[in-house]
PDB file of N, CA and C in Angstrom:
ATOM      1  N   UNK A   1     -16.008  31.140-165.257  1.00  0.00           N
ATOM      2  CA  UNK A   1     -16.576  31.645-166.214  1.00  0.00           C
ATOM      3  C   UNK A   1     -15.291  32.117-167.208  1.00  0.00           C
ATOM      4  N   UNK A   2     -15.617  31.584-168.491  1.00  0.00           N
ATOM      5  CA  UNK A   2     -14.322  32.088-169.522  1.00  0.00           C
ATOM      6  C   UNK A   2     -14.813  33.082-170.330  1.00  0.00           C
ATOM      7  N   UNK A   3     -13.912  33.862-170.743  1.00  0.00           N
ATOM      8  CA  UNK A   3     -14.216  35.046-171.593  1.00  0.00           C
ATOM      9  C   UNK A   3     -14.403  34.682-173.039  1.00  0.00           C
ATOM     10  N   UNK A   4     -14.120  33.669-173.274  1.00  0.00           N
ATOM     11  CA  UNK A   4     -14.304  33.039-174.793  1.00  0.00           C
ATOM     12  C   UNK A   4     -15.621  33.126-175.147  1.00  0.00           C
ATOM     13  N   UNK A   5     -16.592  32.898-174.472  1.00  0.00           N
ATOM     14  CA  UNK A   5     -17.906  33.012-175.322  1.00  0.00           C
ATOM     15  C   UNK A   5     -18.463  34.256-175.497  1.00  0.00           C
ATOM     16  N   UNK A   6     -17.909  35.385-174.641  1.00  0.00           N
ATOM     17  CA  UNK A   6     -18.232  36.735-174.626  1.00  0.00           C
ATOM     18  C   UNK A   6     -17.339  37.116-175.937  1.00  0.00           C
ATOM     19  N   UNK A   7     -16.309  36.810-176.249  1.00  0.00           N
ATOM     20  CA  UNK A   7     -15.524  37.259-177.693  1.00  0.00           C
ATOM     21  C   UNK A   7     -16.410  36.955-178.843  1.00  0.00           C
ATOM     22  N   UNK A   8     -17.265  35.949-178.825  1.00  0.00           N
ATOM     23  CA  UNK A   8     -17.811  35.498-180.093  1.00  0.00           C
ATOM     24  C   UNK A   8     -19.324  35.715-179.978  1.00  0.00           C
ATOM     25  N   UNK A   9     -19.726  36.729-178.855  1.00  0.00           N
ATOM     26  CA  UNK A   9     -20.957  37.023-178.790  1.00  0.00           C
ATOM     27  C   UNK A   9     -21.635  37.632-180.159  1.00  0.00           C
ATOM     28  N   UNK A  10     -23.027  37.528-180.070  1.00  0.00           N
ATOM     29  CA  UNK A  10     -23.737  38.008-181.370  1.00  0.00           C
ATOM     30  C   UNK A  10     -23.773  39.534-181.365  1.00  0.00           C
ATOM     31  N   UNK A  11     -23.593  40.087-182.534  1.00  0.00           N
ATOM     32  CA  UNK A  11     -23.749  41.864-182.613  1.00  0.00           C
ATOM     33  C   UNK A  11     -24.950  42.260-183.148  1.00  0.00           C
ATOM     34  N   UNK A  12     -25.138  43.467-183.196  1.00  0.00           N
ATOM     35  CA  UNK A  12     -26.273  44.035-183.853  1.00  0.00           C
ATOM     36  C   UNK A  12     -25.705  44.521-185.236  1.00  0.00           C
ATOM     37  N   UNK A  13     -26.405  43.870-186.155  1.00  0.00           N
ATOM     38  CA  UNK A  13     -25.938  44.095-187.521  1.00  0.00           C
ATOM     39  C   UNK A  13     -25.864  45.650-188.110  1.00  0.00           C
ATOM     40  N   UNK A  14     -27.094  46.225-187.445  1.00  0.00           N
ATOM     41  CA  UNK A  14     -27.189  47.620-188.073  1.00  0.00           C
ATOM     42  C   UNK A  14     -25.937  48.557-187.458  1.00  0.00           C
ATOM     43  N   UNK A  15     -25.684  48.221-186.133  1.00  0.00           N
ATOM     44  CA  UNK A  15     -24.548  49.170-185.546  1.00  0.00           C
ATOM     45  C   UNK A  15     -23.282  48.820-186.292  1.00  0.00           C
ATOM     46  N   UNK A  16     -22.890  47.583-186.837  1.00  0.00           N
ATOM     47  CA  UNK A  16     -21.734  47.115-187.446  1.00  0.00           C
ATOM     48  C   UNK A  16     -21.695  47.937-188.835  1.00  0.00           C
ATOM     49  N   UNK A  17     -22.950  47.938-189.504  1.00  0.00           N
ATOM     50  CA  UNK A  17     -22.872  48.485-191.063  1.00  0.00           C
ATOM     51  C   UNK A  17     -22.680  49.838-190.693  1.00  0.00           C
ATOM     52  N   UNK A  18     -23.218  50.759-189.707  1.00  0.00           N
ATOM     53  CA  UNK A  18     -23.148  52.084-189.585  1.00  0.00           C
ATOM     54  C   UNK A  18     -21.530  52.270-189.328  1.00  0.00           C
ATOM     55  N   UNK A  19     -20.973  51.387-188.542  1.00  0.00           N
ATOM     56  CA  UNK A  19     -19.642  51.807-188.193  1.00  0.00           C
ATOM     57  C   UNK A  19     -18.843  51.405-189.413  1.00  0.00           C
ATOM     58  N   UNK A  20     -19.142  50.434-190.189  1.00  0.00           N
ATOM     59  CA  UNK A  20     -18.151  50.030-191.356  1.00  0.00           C
ATOM     60  C   UNK A  20     -18.360  51.108-192.471  1.00  0.00           C
ATOM     61  N   UNK A  21     -19.621  51.438-192.824  1.00  0.00           N
ATOM     62  CA  UNK A  21     -19.750  52.362-193.911  1.00  0.00           C
ATOM     63  C   UNK A  21     -19.785  53.803-193.570  1.00  0.00           C
ATOM     64  N   UNK A  22     -19.968  54.325-192.350  1.00  0.00           N
ATOM     65  CA  UNK A  22     -20.260  55.820-192.109  1.00  0.00           C
ATOM     66  C   UNK A  22     -18.844  56.085-190.969  1.00  0.00           C
ATOM     67  N   UNK A  23     -18.891  55.612-189.948  1.00  0.00           N
ATOM     68  CA  UNK A  23     -17.963  56.117-189.107  1.00  0.00           C
ATOM     69  C   UNK A  23     -16.501  55.675-189.308  1.00  0.00           C
ATOM     70  N   UNK A  24     -16.151  54.520-189.742  1.00  0.00           N
ATOM     71  CA  UNK A  24     -14.761  54.406-190.157  1.00  0.00           C
ATOM     72  C   UNK A  24     -14.432  55.212-191.518  1.00  0.00           C
ATOM     73  N   UNK A  25     -15.206  55.329-192.384  1.00  0.00           N
ATOM     74  CA  UNK A  25     -14.537  56.118-193.555  1.00  0.00           C
ATOM     75  C   UNK A  25     -14.362  57.865-193.240  1.00  0.00           C
ATOM     76  N   UNK A  26     -15.396  58.170-192.143  1.00  0.00           N
ATOM     77  CA  UNK A  26     -15.040  59.456-191.846  1.00  0.00           C
ATOM     78  C   UNK A  26     -14.012  59.594-190.872  1.00  0.00           C
ATOM     79  N   UNK A  27     -13.584  58.804-189.822  1.00  0.00           N
ATOM     80  CA  UNK A  27     -12.337  58.739-189.085  1.00  0.00           C
ATOM     81  C   UNK A  27     -11.194  58.513-189.844  1.00  0.00           C
ATOM     82  N   UNK A  28     -11.339  57.764-190.925  1.00  0.00           N
ATOM     83  CA  UNK A  28      -9.803  57.469-191.740  1.00  0.00           C
ATOM     84  C   UNK A  28      -9.577  58.812-192.541  1.00  0.00           C
ATOM     85  N   UNK A  29     -10.652  59.246-193.033  1.00  0.00           N
ATOM     86  CA  UNK A  29     -10.613  60.573-193.843  1.00  0.00           C
ATOM     87  C   UNK A  29     -10.039  61.702-192.870  1.00  0.00           C
ATOM     88  N   UNK A  30     -10.517  61.882-191.666  1.00  0.00           N
ATOM     89  CA  UNK A  30      -9.897  62.985-190.916  1.00  0.00           C
ATOM     90  C   UNK A  30      -8.479  62.703-190.449  1.00  0.00           C
ATOM     91  N   UNK A  31      -8.214  61.433-190.207  1.00  0.00           N
ATOM     92  CA  UNK A  31      -6.753  60.873-189.898  1.00  0.00           C
ATOM     93  C   UNK A  31      -5.933  61.432-191.240  1.00  0.00           C
ATOM     94  N   UNK A  32      -6.467  61.175-192.266  1.00  0.00           N
ATOM     95  CA  UNK A  32      -5.577  61.564-193.540  1.00  0.00           C
ATOM     96  C   UNK A  32      -5.447  63.081-193.747  1.00  0.00           C
ATOM     97  N   UNK A  33      -6.526  63.885-193.384  1.00  0.00           N
ATOM     98  CA  UNK A  33      -6.438  65.024-193.278  1.00  0.00           C
ATOM     99  C   UNK A  33      -5.312  65.727-192.486  1.00  0.00           C
ATOM    100  N   UNK A  34      -5.407  65.268-191.191  1.00  0.00           N
ATOM    101  CA  UNK A  34      -4.643  65.373-190.043  1.00  0.00           C
ATOM    102  C   UNK A  34      -3.004  65.074-190.441  1.00  0.00           C
ATOM    103  N   UNK A  35      -2.868  63.977-191.089  1.00  0.00           N
ATOM    104  CA  UNK A  35      -1.283  63.404-191.486  1.00  0.00           C
ATOM    105  C   UNK A  35      -1.062  64.569-192.560  1.00  0.00           C
ATOM    106  N   UNK A  36      -1.801  64.842-193.540  1.00  0.00           N
ATOM    107  CA  UNK A  36      -1.329  65.892-194.644  1.00  0.00           C
ATOM    108  C   UNK A  36      -1.109  67.261-193.950  1.00  0.00           C
ATOM    109  N   UNK A  37      -1.752  67.614-193.000  1.00  0.00           N
ATOM    110  CA  UNK A  37      -1.418  68.816-192.288  1.00  0.00           C
ATOM    111  C   UNK A  37      -0.181  68.899-191.555  1.00  0.00           C
ATOM    112  N   UNK A  38       0.162  67.637-190.990  1.00  0.00           N
ATOM    113  CA  UNK A  38       1.335  67.383-190.173  1.00  0.00           C
ATOM    114  C   UNK A  38       2.376  67.566-191.069  1.00  0.00           C
ATOM    115  N   UNK A  39       2.376  66.718-192.274  1.00  0.00           N
ATOM    116  CA  UNK A  39       3.364  66.459-193.163  1.00  0.00           C
ATOM    117  C   UNK A  39       3.647  68.095-194.041  1.00  0.00           C
ATOM    118  N   UNK A  40       2.576  68.821-194.218  1.00  0.00           N
ATOM    119  CA  UNK A  40       2.858  70.210-194.740  1.00  0.00           C
ATOM    120  C   UNK A  40       3.522  71.003-193.694  1.00  0.00           C
ATOM    121  N   UNK A  41       3.280  70.950-192.515  1.00  0.00           N
ATOM    122  CA  UNK A  41       4.104  71.681-191.346  1.00  0.00           C
ATOM    123  C   UNK A  41       5.553  71.288-191.446  1.00  0.00           C
ATOM    124  N   UNK A  42       5.752  69.689-191.503  1.00  0.00           N
ATOM    125  CA  UNK A  42       7.235  69.321-191.836  1.00  0.00           C
ATOM    126  C   UNK A  42       8.174  70.168-192.966  1.00  0.00           C
ATOM    127  N   UNK A  43       7.299  70.127-194.039  1.00  0.00           N
ATOM    128  CA  UNK A  43       7.556  70.751-195.290  1.00  0.00           C
ATOM    129  C   UNK A  43       7.971  72.292-195.226  1.00  0.00           C
ATOM    130  N   UNK A  44       7.126  72.909-194.532  1.00  0.00           N
ATOM    131  CA  UNK A  44       7.138  74.309-194.385  1.00  0.00           C
ATOM    132  C   UNK A  44       8.429  74.569-193.285  1.00  0.00           C
ATOM    133  N   UNK A  45       8.244  73.518-192.463  1.00  0.00           N
ATOM    134  CA  UNK A  45       9.659  73.892-191.371  1.00  0.00           C
ATOM    135  C   UNK A  45      10.900  73.846-192.131  1.00  0.00           C
ATOM    136  N   UNK A  46      11.072  72.666-192.763  1.00  0.00           N
ATOM    137  CA  UNK A  46      12.196  72.543-193.383  1.00  0.00           C
ATOM    138  C   UNK A  46      12.725  73.207-194.382  1.00  0.00           C
ATOM    139  N   UNK A  47      11.631  73.818-195.120  1.00  0.00           N
ATOM    140  CA  UNK A  47      11.742  74.868-196.343  1.00  0.00           C
ATOM    141  C   UNK A  47      12.248  76.113-195.733  1.00  0.00           C
ATOM    142  N   UNK A  48      11.675  76.564-194.630  1.00  0.00           N
ATOM    143  CA  UNK A  48      12.015  77.933-193.968  1.00  0.00           C
ATOM    144  C   UNK A  48      13.266  77.646-193.321  1.00  0.00           C
ATOM    145  N   UNK A  49      13.575  76.681-192.787  1.00  0.00           N
ATOM    146  CA  UNK A  49      15.004  76.363-192.115  1.00  0.00           C
ATOM    147  C   UNK A  49      16.157  76.414-193.154  1.00  0.00           C
ATOM    148  N   UNK A  50      15.836  75.891-194.315  1.00  0.00           N
ATOM    149  CA  UNK A  50      16.991  76.119-195.313  1.00  0.00           C
ATOM    150  C   UNK A  50      17.194  77.218-196.025  1.00  0.00           C
ATOM    151  N   UNK A  51      16.284  78.163-195.713  1.00  0.00           N
ATOM    152  CA  UNK A  51      16.475  79.606-196.216  1.00  0.00           C
ATOM    153  C   UNK A  51      17.185  80.340-194.926  1.00  0.00           C
ATOM    154  N   UNK A  52      17.375  79.888-193.723  1.00  0.00           N
ATOM    155  CA  UNK A  52      17.837  80.532-192.616  1.00  0.00           C
ATOM    156  C   UNK A  52      16.941  80.982-192.019  1.00  0.00           C
ATOM    157  N   UNK A  53      15.725  81.136-192.026  1.00  0.00           N
ATOM    158  CA  UNK A  53      14.554  81.769-191.303  1.00  0.00           C
ATOM    159  C   UNK A  53      14.116  80.813-190.341  1.00  0.00           C
ATOM    160  N   UNK A  54      13.867  81.139-188.974  1.00  0.00           N
ATOM    161  CA  UNK A  54      13.066  80.305-188.191  1.00  0.00           C
ATOM    162  C   UNK A  54      11.827  80.843-187.786  1.00  0.00           C
ATOM    163  N   UNK A  55      10.702  80.225-188.249  1.00  0.00           N
ATOM    164  CA  UNK A  55       9.491  80.760-188.093  1.00  0.00           C
ATOM    165  C   UNK A  55       8.630  79.341-187.192  1.00  0.00           C
ATOM    166  N   UNK A  56       7.673  80.082-186.519  1.00  0.00           N
ATOM    167  CA  UNK A  56       6.669  79.064-185.882  1.00  0.00           C
ATOM    168  C   UNK A  56       5.643  78.410-186.653  1.00  0.00           C
ATOM    169  N   UNK A  57       5.405  78.879-187.868  1.00  0.00           N
ATOM    170  CA  UNK A  57       4.192  78.359-188.641  1.00  0.00           C
ATOM    171  C   UNK A  57       4.719  76.795-188.715  1.00  0.00           C
ATOM    172  N   UNK A  58       5.412  76.334-189.277  1.00  0.00           N
ATOM    173  CA  UNK A  58       5.692  74.840-189.559  1.00  0.00           C
ATOM    174  C   UNK A  58       5.774  74.147-188.302  1.00  0.00           C
ATOM    175  N   UNK A  59       6.098  74.666-187.123  1.00  0.00           N
ATOM    176  CA  UNK A  59       6.006  74.084-185.672  1.00  0.00           C
ATOM    177  C   UNK A  59       4.421  73.732-185.414  1.00  0.00           C
ATOM    178  N   UNK A  60       3.826  74.935-185.561  1.00  0.00           N
ATOM    179  CA  UNK A  60       2.475  75.040-185.383  1.00  0.00           C
ATOM    180  C   UNK A  60       1.634  74.043-186.097  1.00  0.00           C
ATOM    181  N   UNK A  61       1.920  74.082-187.357  1.00  0.00           N
ATOM    182  CA  UNK A  61       1.322  72.887-188.318  1.00  0.00           C
ATOM    183  C   UNK A  61       1.399  71.498-187.873  1.00  0.00           C
ATOM    184  N   UNK A  62       2.672  71.217-187.447  1.00  0.00           N
ATOM    185  CA  UNK A  62       3.121  69.792-186.932  1.00  0.00           C
ATOM    186  C   UNK A  62       2.408  69.452-185.524  1.00  0.00           C
ATOM    187  N   UNK A  63       2.486  70.501-184.577  1.00  0.00           N
ATOM    188  CA  UNK A  63       1.720  70.140-183.192  1.00  0.00           C
ATOM    189  C   UNK A  63       0.171  69.894-183.752  1.00  0.00           C
ATOM    190  N   UNK A  64      -0.343  70.941-184.362  1.00  0.00           N
ATOM    191  CA  UNK A  64      -1.811  70.738-184.559  1.00  0.00           C
ATOM    192  C   UNK A  64      -2.193  69.337-185.433  1.00  0.00           C
ATOM    193  N   UNK A  65      -1.397  69.013-186.213  1.00  0.00           N
ATOM    194  CA  UNK A  65      -1.466  67.708-187.081  1.00  0.00           C
ATOM    195  C   UNK A  65      -1.301  66.511-186.116  1.00  0.00           C
ATOM    196  N   UNK A  66      -0.357  66.581-185.164  1.00  0.00           N
ATOM    197  CA  UNK A  66      -0.173  65.493-184.181  1.00  0.00           C
ATOM    198  C   UNK A  66      -1.543  65.384-183.199  1.00  0.00           C
ATOM    199  N   UNK A  67      -1.960  66.615-182.829  1.00  0.00           N
ATOM    200  CA  UNK A  67      -3.153  66.760-182.007  1.00  0.00           C
ATOM    201  C   UNK A  67      -4.362  65.983-182.744  1.00  0.00           C
ATOM    202  N   UNK A  68      -4.472  66.576-184.042  1.00  0.00           N
ATOM    203  CA  UNK A  68      -5.546  65.912-184.933  1.00  0.00           C
ATOM    204  C   UNK A  68      -5.664  64.414-185.083  1.00  0.00           C
ATOM    205  N   UNK A  69      -4.347  63.719-185.104  1.00  0.00           N
ATOM    206  CA  UNK A  69      -4.258  62.418-185.291  1.00  0.00           C
ATOM    207  C   UNK A  69      -4.284  61.844-183.746  1.00  0.00           C
ATOM    208  N   UNK A  70      -4.064  62.300-182.860  1.00  0.00           N
ATOM    209  CA  UNK A  70      -4.410  61.674-181.484  1.00  0.00           C
ATOM    210  C   UNK A  70      -5.808  61.691-181.410  1.00  0.00           C
ATOM    211  N   UNK A  71      -6.483  62.840-181.836  1.00  0.00           N
ATOM    212  CA  UNK A  71      -8.034  62.962-181.483  1.00  0.00           C
ATOM    213  C   UNK A  71      -8.683  61.892-182.151  1.00  0.00           C
ATOM    214  N   UNK A  72      -8.127  61.793-183.507  1.00  0.00           N
ATOM    215  CA  UNK A  72      -8.920  60.642-184.254  1.00  0.00           C
ATOM    216  C   UNK A  72      -8.648  59.132-183.769  1.00  0.00           C
ATOM    217  N   UNK A  73      -7.429  59.048-183.603  1.00  0.00           N
ATOM    218  CA  UNK A  73      -7.264  57.655-182.974  1.00  0.00           C
ATOM    219  C   UNK A  73      -8.352  57.338-181.541  1.00  0.00           C
ATOM    220  N   UNK A  74      -8.177  58.383-180.646  1.00  0.00           N
ATOM    221  CA  UNK A  74      -8.996  58.415-179.739  1.00  0.00           C
ATOM    222  C   UNK A  74     -10.465  58.144-180.067  1.00  0.00           C
ATOM    223  N   UNK A  75     -10.954  58.990-180.925  1.00  0.00           N
ATOM    224  CA  UNK A  75     -12.308  58.691-181.484  1.00  0.00           C
ATOM    225  C   UNK A  75     -12.651  57.353-181.986  1.00  0.00           C
ATOM    226  N   UNK A  76     -11.455  56.646-182.843  1.00  0.00           N
ATOM    227  CA  UNK A  76     -11.688  55.339-183.274  1.00  0.00           C
ATOM    228  C   UNK A  76     -11.886  54.349-182.207  1.00  0.00           C
ATOM    229  N   UNK A  77     -10.964  54.752-181.140  1.00  0.00           N
ATOM    230  CA  UNK A  77     -11.188  53.699-179.891  1.00  0.00           C
ATOM    231  C   UNK A  77     -12.414  53.899-179.356  1.00  0.00           C
ATOM    232  N   UNK A  78     -12.904  54.959-179.013  1.00  0.00           N
ATOM    233  CA  UNK A  78     -14.127  55.391-178.382  1.00  0.00           C
ATOM    234  C   UNK A  78     -15.191  54.543-179.028  1.00  0.00           C
ATOM    235  N   UNK A  79     -15.340  54.836-180.349  1.00  0.00           N
ATOM    236  CA  UNK A  79     -16.325  53.998-181.383  1.00  0.00           C
ATOM    237  C   UNK A  79     -16.153  52.632-181.070  1.00  0.00           C
ATOM    238  N   UNK A  80     -14.955  51.893-181.058  1.00  0.00           N
ATOM    239  CA  UNK A  80     -15.043  50.617-181.019  1.00  0.00           C
ATOM    240  C   UNK A  80     -15.435  50.142-179.503  1.00  0.00           C
ATOM    241  N   UNK A  81     -15.104  50.636-178.669  1.00  0.00           N
ATOM    242  CA  UNK A  81     -15.213  50.426-177.226  1.00  0.00           C
ATOM    243  C   UNK A  81     -16.671  50.637-177.091  1.00  0.00           C
ATOM    244  N   UNK A  82     -17.539  51.646-177.360  1.00  0.00           N
ATOM    245  CA  UNK A  82     -18.764  51.621-177.309  1.00  0.00           C
ATOM    246  C   UNK A  82     -19.725  50.763-177.964  1.00  0.00           C
ATOM    247  N   UNK A  83     -19.400  50.417-179.521  1.00  0.00           N
ATOM    248  CA  UNK A  83     -20.038  49.548-180.056  1.00  0.00           C
ATOM    249  C   UNK A  83     -19.723  48.177-179.507  1.00  0.00           C
ATOM    250  N   UNK A  84     -18.537  47.970-179.085  1.00  0.00           N
ATOM    251  CA  UNK A  84     -18.361  46.497-178.259  1.00  0.00           C
ATOM    252  C   UNK A  84     -19.056  46.235-177.099  1.00  0.00           C
ATOM    253  N   UNK A  85     -19.204  47.341-176.375  1.00  0.00           N
ATOM    254  CA  UNK A  85     -20.317  47.305-175.035  1.00  0.00           C
ATOM    255  C   UNK A  85     -21.595  47.117-175.436  1.00  0.00           C
ATOM    256  N   UNK A  86     -22.196  47.942-176.424  1.00  0.00           N
ATOM    257  CA  UNK A  86     -23.422  47.741-176.951  1.00  0.00           C
ATOM    258  C   UNK A  86     -23.792  46.159-177.537  1.00  0.00           C
ATOM    259  N   UNK A  87     -22.830  45.997-178.306  1.00  0.00           N
ATOM    260  CA  UNK A  87     -22.920  44.441-178.649  1.00  0.00           C
ATOM    261  C   UNK A  87     -23.167  43.520-177.620  1.00  0.00           C
ATOM    262  N   UNK A  88     -22.160  43.630-176.607  1.00  0.00           N
ATOM    263  CA  UNK A  88     -22.024  42.732-175.456  1.00  0.00           C
ATOM    264  C   UNK A  88     -23.447  42.880-174.695  1.00  0.00           C
ATOM    265  N   UNK A  89     -23.806  43.931-174.540  1.00  0.00           N
ATOM    266  CA  UNK A  89     -24.976  44.080-173.491  1.00  0.00           C
ATOM    267  C   UNK A  89     -26.150  43.534-174.499  1.00  0.00           C
ATOM    268  N   UNK A  90     -26.332  43.590-175.816  1.00  0.00           N
ATOM    269  CA  UNK A  90     -27.144  43.093-176.720  1.00  0.00           C
ATOM    270  C   UNK A  90     -27.398  41.600-176.598  1.00  0.00           C
ATOM    271  N   UNK A  91     -26.155  40.932-176.512  1.00  0.00           N
ATOM    272  CA  UNK A  91     -26.217  39.432-176.482  1.00  0.00           C
ATOM    273  C   UNK A  91     -26.737  38.654-175.240  1.00  0.00           C
TER     274      UNK A  91
END
């Protein structure tokens, strides 16, 4: 049995529309927020380091920004996996 017919299986159009118009924009927006938060941490860290102060504020922002990005990438993967599985079972 070949996997090629499975790759071209029919999908449920309502789920694809939900993913395209609701889930993907939310995930992309939250990824952008996490990236901005990370970059704010980088700027804060470099700014404070240039003044000769060492603070943990910039480091914490960078860490939480990376954690946020990792969570959003994982959420994106889980959504794609779940919808792919549902579409596979529906066909």
